[in-house]
Amino acid sequence: MQTKKNPGLAAVASFFFSGLGQIYNGEILKGVLLMVIQVINVLLMFVLIGFVTYPLVWVYGIWDAYRSAEKFNQSITD
């Protein structure tokens, strides 16, 4: 039996470190990909575009972690 994921915890994990909420949800590849993208975004800050892309990916990661945890919980209760 699979245990439910806490959407709030997934969102908070991604808030503190992009991709961590996805890893908590079991989406390892997506989490690592978000981490790599954020490292690239940090490097892009030297040419200023990173100041736009970093927060966009960060907010997406938080939202996706929360949504994925809810979707996971629905799939195990149905």
N, C-alpha and C. Protein backbone atom coordinates (compact mmCIF):
# COMPACT_ATOMS: atom_id res chain seq x y z
N MET A 1 0.84 -1.19 0.00
CA MET A 1 0.00 0.00 0.00
C MET A 1 0.88 1.25 0.00
N GLN A 2 0.56 2.18 -0.87
CA GLN A 2 1.33 3.41 -0.96
C GLN A 2 0.77 4.44 0.02
N THR A 3 1.67 5.22 0.62
CA THR A 3 1.22 6.25 1.54
C THR A 3 0.99 7.55 0.78
N LYS A 4 0.07 8.34 1.30
CA LYS A 4 -0.24 9.62 0.66
C LYS A 4 0.92 10.57 0.81
N LYS A 5 1.03 11.46 -0.14
CA LYS A 5 2.04 12.52 -0.13
C LYS A 5 1.39 13.79 0.42
N ASN A 6 2.13 14.54 1.18
CA ASN A 6 1.63 15.79 1.72
C ASN A 6 1.92 16.92 0.72
N PRO A 7 0.89 17.48 0.08
CA PRO A 7 1.11 18.53 -0.92
C PRO A 7 1.82 19.76 -0.35
N GLY A 8 1.48 20.12 0.88
CA GLY A 8 2.12 21.27 1.52
C GLY A 8 3.61 21.04 1.72
N LEU A 9 3.97 19.86 2.16
CA LEU A 9 5.38 19.53 2.36
C LEU A 9 6.13 19.53 1.03
N ALA A 10 5.49 19.01 0.00
CA ALA A 10 6.12 19.00 -1.33
C ALA A 10 6.37 20.42 -1.82
N ALA A 11 5.39 21.31 -1.61
CA ALA A 11 5.54 22.70 -2.03
C ALA A 11 6.63 23.41 -1.24
N VAL A 12 6.66 23.18 0.07
CA VAL A 12 7.68 23.83 0.92
C VAL A 12 9.07 23.32 0.55
N ALA A 13 9.20 22.04 0.28
CA ALA A 13 10.50 21.48 -0.12
C ALA A 13 10.98 22.15 -1.41
N SER A 14 10.07 22.34 -2.36
CA SER A 14 10.45 23.01 -3.61
C SER A 14 10.70 24.49 -3.40
N PHE A 15 10.05 25.07 -2.41
CA PHE A 15 10.30 26.48 -2.10
C PHE A 15 11.75 26.68 -1.67
N PHE A 16 12.24 25.78 -0.83
CA PHE A 16 13.60 25.92 -0.32
C PHE A 16 14.68 25.44 -1.29
N PHE A 17 14.34 24.47 -2.13
CA PHE A 17 15.31 23.97 -3.10
C PHE A 17 14.55 23.41 -4.29
N SER A 18 14.67 24.06 -5.42
CA SER A 18 13.92 23.65 -6.62
C SER A 18 14.17 22.18 -6.96
N GLY A 19 13.09 21.46 -7.17
CA GLY A 19 13.17 20.06 -7.54
C GLY A 19 13.04 19.10 -6.37
N LEU A 20 13.22 19.60 -5.16
CA LEU A 20 13.16 18.72 -3.99
C LEU A 20 11.74 18.18 -3.75
N GLY A 21 10.74 19.00 -4.03
CA GLY A 21 9.35 18.54 -3.89
C GLY A 21 9.02 17.44 -4.88
N GLN A 22 9.55 17.55 -6.08
CA GLN A 22 9.32 16.51 -7.08
C GLN A 22 9.99 15.20 -6.65
N ILE A 23 11.18 15.30 -6.09
CA ILE A 23 11.86 14.11 -5.60
C ILE A 23 11.07 13.48 -4.46
N TYR A 24 10.53 14.30 -3.56
CA TYR A 24 9.67 13.81 -2.48
C TYR A 24 8.47 13.06 -3.04
N ASN A 25 7.93 13.57 -4.15
CA ASN A 25 6.76 12.93 -4.77
C ASN A 25 7.12 11.68 -5.56
N GLY A 26 8.40 11.38 -5.69
CA GLY A 26 8.82 10.19 -6.43
C GLY A 26 9.16 10.46 -7.88
N GLU A 27 9.13 11.72 -8.28
CA GLU A 27 9.45 12.09 -9.66
C GLU A 27 10.92 12.52 -9.71
N ILE A 28 11.79 11.53 -9.61
CA ILE A 28 13.23 11.78 -9.47
C ILE A 28 13.79 12.51 -10.69
N LEU A 29 13.48 12.04 -11.87
CA LEU A 29 14.02 12.65 -13.08
C LEU A 29 13.58 14.11 -13.22
N LYS A 30 12.31 14.37 -12.97
CA LYS A 30 11.81 15.74 -13.06
C LYS A 30 12.49 16.64 -12.01
N GLY A 31 12.69 16.12 -10.81
CA GLY A 31 13.34 16.89 -9.77
C GLY A 31 14.78 17.23 -10.11
N VAL A 32 15.51 16.25 -10.59
CA VAL A 32 16.92 16.49 -10.97
C VAL A 32 16.98 17.46 -12.15
N LEU A 33 16.06 17.32 -13.09
CA LEU A 33 16.01 18.23 -14.23
C LEU A 33 15.77 19.67 -13.78
N LEU A 34 14.85 19.88 -12.84
CA LEU A 34 14.61 21.22 -12.33
C LEU A 34 15.85 21.77 -11.62
N MET A 35 16.56 20.93 -10.91
CA MET A 35 17.78 21.37 -10.23
C MET A 35 18.83 21.81 -11.25
N VAL A 36 19.00 21.03 -12.31
CA VAL A 36 19.97 21.37 -13.35
C VAL A 36 19.57 22.68 -14.04
N ILE A 37 18.28 22.83 -14.32
CA ILE A 37 17.81 24.06 -14.96
C ILE A 37 18.09 25.26 -14.07
N GLN A 38 17.90 25.12 -12.78
CA GLN A 38 18.15 26.24 -11.87
C GLN A 38 19.63 26.59 -11.80
N VAL A 39 20.49 25.60 -11.88
CA VAL A 39 21.94 25.88 -11.91
C VAL A 39 22.26 26.68 -13.18
N ILE A 40 21.67 26.29 -14.28
CA ILE A 40 21.87 27.03 -15.53
C ILE A 40 21.33 28.45 -15.40
N ASN A 41 20.17 28.59 -14.74
CA ASN A 41 19.60 29.91 -14.54
C ASN A 41 20.49 30.81 -13.68
N VAL A 42 21.15 30.23 -12.70
CA VAL A 42 22.09 31.01 -11.89
C VAL A 42 23.22 31.52 -12.77
N LEU A 43 23.72 30.67 -13.64
CA LEU A 43 24.77 31.11 -14.56
C LEU A 43 24.26 32.17 -15.53
N LEU A 44 22.99 32.06 -15.92
CA LEU A 44 22.40 33.04 -16.83
C LEU A 44 22.21 34.41 -16.17
N MET A 45 22.30 34.46 -14.85
CA MET A 45 22.19 35.75 -14.17
C MET A 45 23.34 36.68 -14.54
N PHE A 46 24.45 36.11 -15.00
CA PHE A 46 25.56 36.95 -15.44
C PHE A 46 25.23 37.72 -16.71
N VAL A 47 24.26 37.23 -17.48
CA VAL A 47 23.82 37.95 -18.67
C VAL A 47 22.39 38.47 -18.50
N LEU A 48 21.97 38.56 -17.26
CA LEU A 48 20.71 39.17 -16.81
C LEU A 48 19.44 38.38 -17.09
N ILE A 49 19.38 37.53 -18.09
CA ILE A 49 18.15 36.79 -18.37
C ILE A 49 17.79 35.84 -17.22
N GLY A 50 18.80 35.42 -16.47
CA GLY A 50 18.56 34.53 -15.35
C GLY A 50 17.70 35.15 -14.26
N PHE A 51 17.69 36.49 -14.18
CA PHE A 51 16.84 37.16 -13.20
C PHE A 51 15.37 37.05 -13.55
N VAL A 52 15.08 36.69 -14.77
CA VAL A 52 13.70 36.44 -15.20
C VAL A 52 13.40 34.94 -15.14
N THR A 53 14.29 34.13 -15.68
CA THR A 53 14.02 32.69 -15.78
C THR A 53 14.07 31.98 -14.44
N TYR A 54 14.98 32.39 -13.55
CA TYR A 54 15.10 31.70 -12.25
C TYR A 54 13.79 31.74 -11.45
N PRO A 55 13.19 32.94 -11.23
CA PRO A 55 11.95 32.95 -10.47
C PRO A 55 10.80 32.23 -11.17
N LEU A 56 10.77 32.28 -12.50
CA LEU A 56 9.70 31.57 -13.21
C LEU A 56 9.78 30.06 -12.98
N VAL A 57 10.97 29.51 -13.11
CA VAL A 57 11.15 28.07 -12.90
C VAL A 57 10.93 27.72 -11.43
N TRP A 58 11.33 28.59 -10.52
CA TRP A 58 11.16 28.36 -9.08
C TRP A 58 9.68 28.27 -8.72
N VAL A 59 8.88 29.23 -9.20
CA VAL A 59 7.45 29.22 -8.92
C VAL A 59 6.78 28.01 -9.58
N TYR A 60 7.20 27.69 -10.81
CA TYR A 60 6.65 26.50 -11.47
C TYR A 60 6.94 25.25 -10.64
N GLY A 61 8.15 25.13 -10.11
CA GLY A 61 8.52 23.96 -9.32
C GLY A 61 7.65 23.81 -8.08
N ILE A 62 7.37 24.92 -7.41
CA ILE A 62 6.51 24.89 -6.22
C ILE A 62 5.10 24.45 -6.60
N TRP A 63 4.55 25.07 -7.64
CA TRP A 63 3.20 24.73 -8.09
C TRP A 63 3.11 23.28 -8.55
N ASP A 64 4.10 22.83 -9.31
CA ASP A 64 4.07 21.47 -9.84
C ASP A 64 4.20 20.44 -8.72
N ALA A 65 5.02 20.71 -7.73
CA ALA A 65 5.18 19.77 -6.62
C ALA A 65 3.86 19.61 -5.87
N TYR A 66 3.17 20.71 -5.62
CA TYR A 66 1.88 20.66 -4.92
C TYR A 66 0.85 19.90 -5.75
N ARG A 67 0.76 20.25 -7.03
CA ARG A 67 -0.22 19.62 -7.93
C ARG A 67 0.07 18.13 -8.10
N SER A 68 1.34 17.77 -8.23
CA SER A 68 1.70 16.36 -8.42
C SER A 68 1.37 15.54 -7.18
N ALA A 69 1.57 16.11 -6.00
CA ALA A 69 1.23 15.38 -4.77
C ALA A 69 -0.28 15.17 -4.67
N GLU A 70 -1.06 16.18 -5.02
CA GLU A 70 -2.52 16.01 -5.02
C GLU A 70 -2.96 14.95 -6.02
N LYS A 71 -2.37 14.99 -7.22
CA LYS A 71 -2.73 14.02 -8.25
C LYS A 71 -2.34 12.61 -7.80
N PHE A 72 -1.19 12.46 -7.16
CA PHE A 72 -0.75 11.17 -6.66
C PHE A 72 -1.74 10.64 -5.61
N ASN A 73 -2.15 11.52 -4.70
CA ASN A 73 -3.10 11.12 -3.66
C ASN A 73 -4.43 10.68 -4.26
N GLN A 74 -4.89 11.37 -5.29
CA GLN A 74 -6.14 10.97 -5.95
C GLN A 74 -6.02 9.62 -6.62
N SER A 75 -4.85 9.33 -7.17
CA SER A 75 -4.67 8.07 -7.90
C SER A 75 -4.66 6.88 -6.95
N ILE A 76 -4.22 7.05 -5.72
CA ILE A 76 -4.19 5.90 -4.81
C ILE A 76 -5.50 5.73 -4.05
N THR A 77 -6.35 6.77 -4.03
CA THR A 77 -7.64 6.61 -3.35
C THR A 77 -8.73 6.17 -4.30
N ASP A 78 -8.52 6.33 -5.60
CA ASP A 78 -9.55 5.94 -6.58
C ASP A 78 -9.55 4.45 -6.80
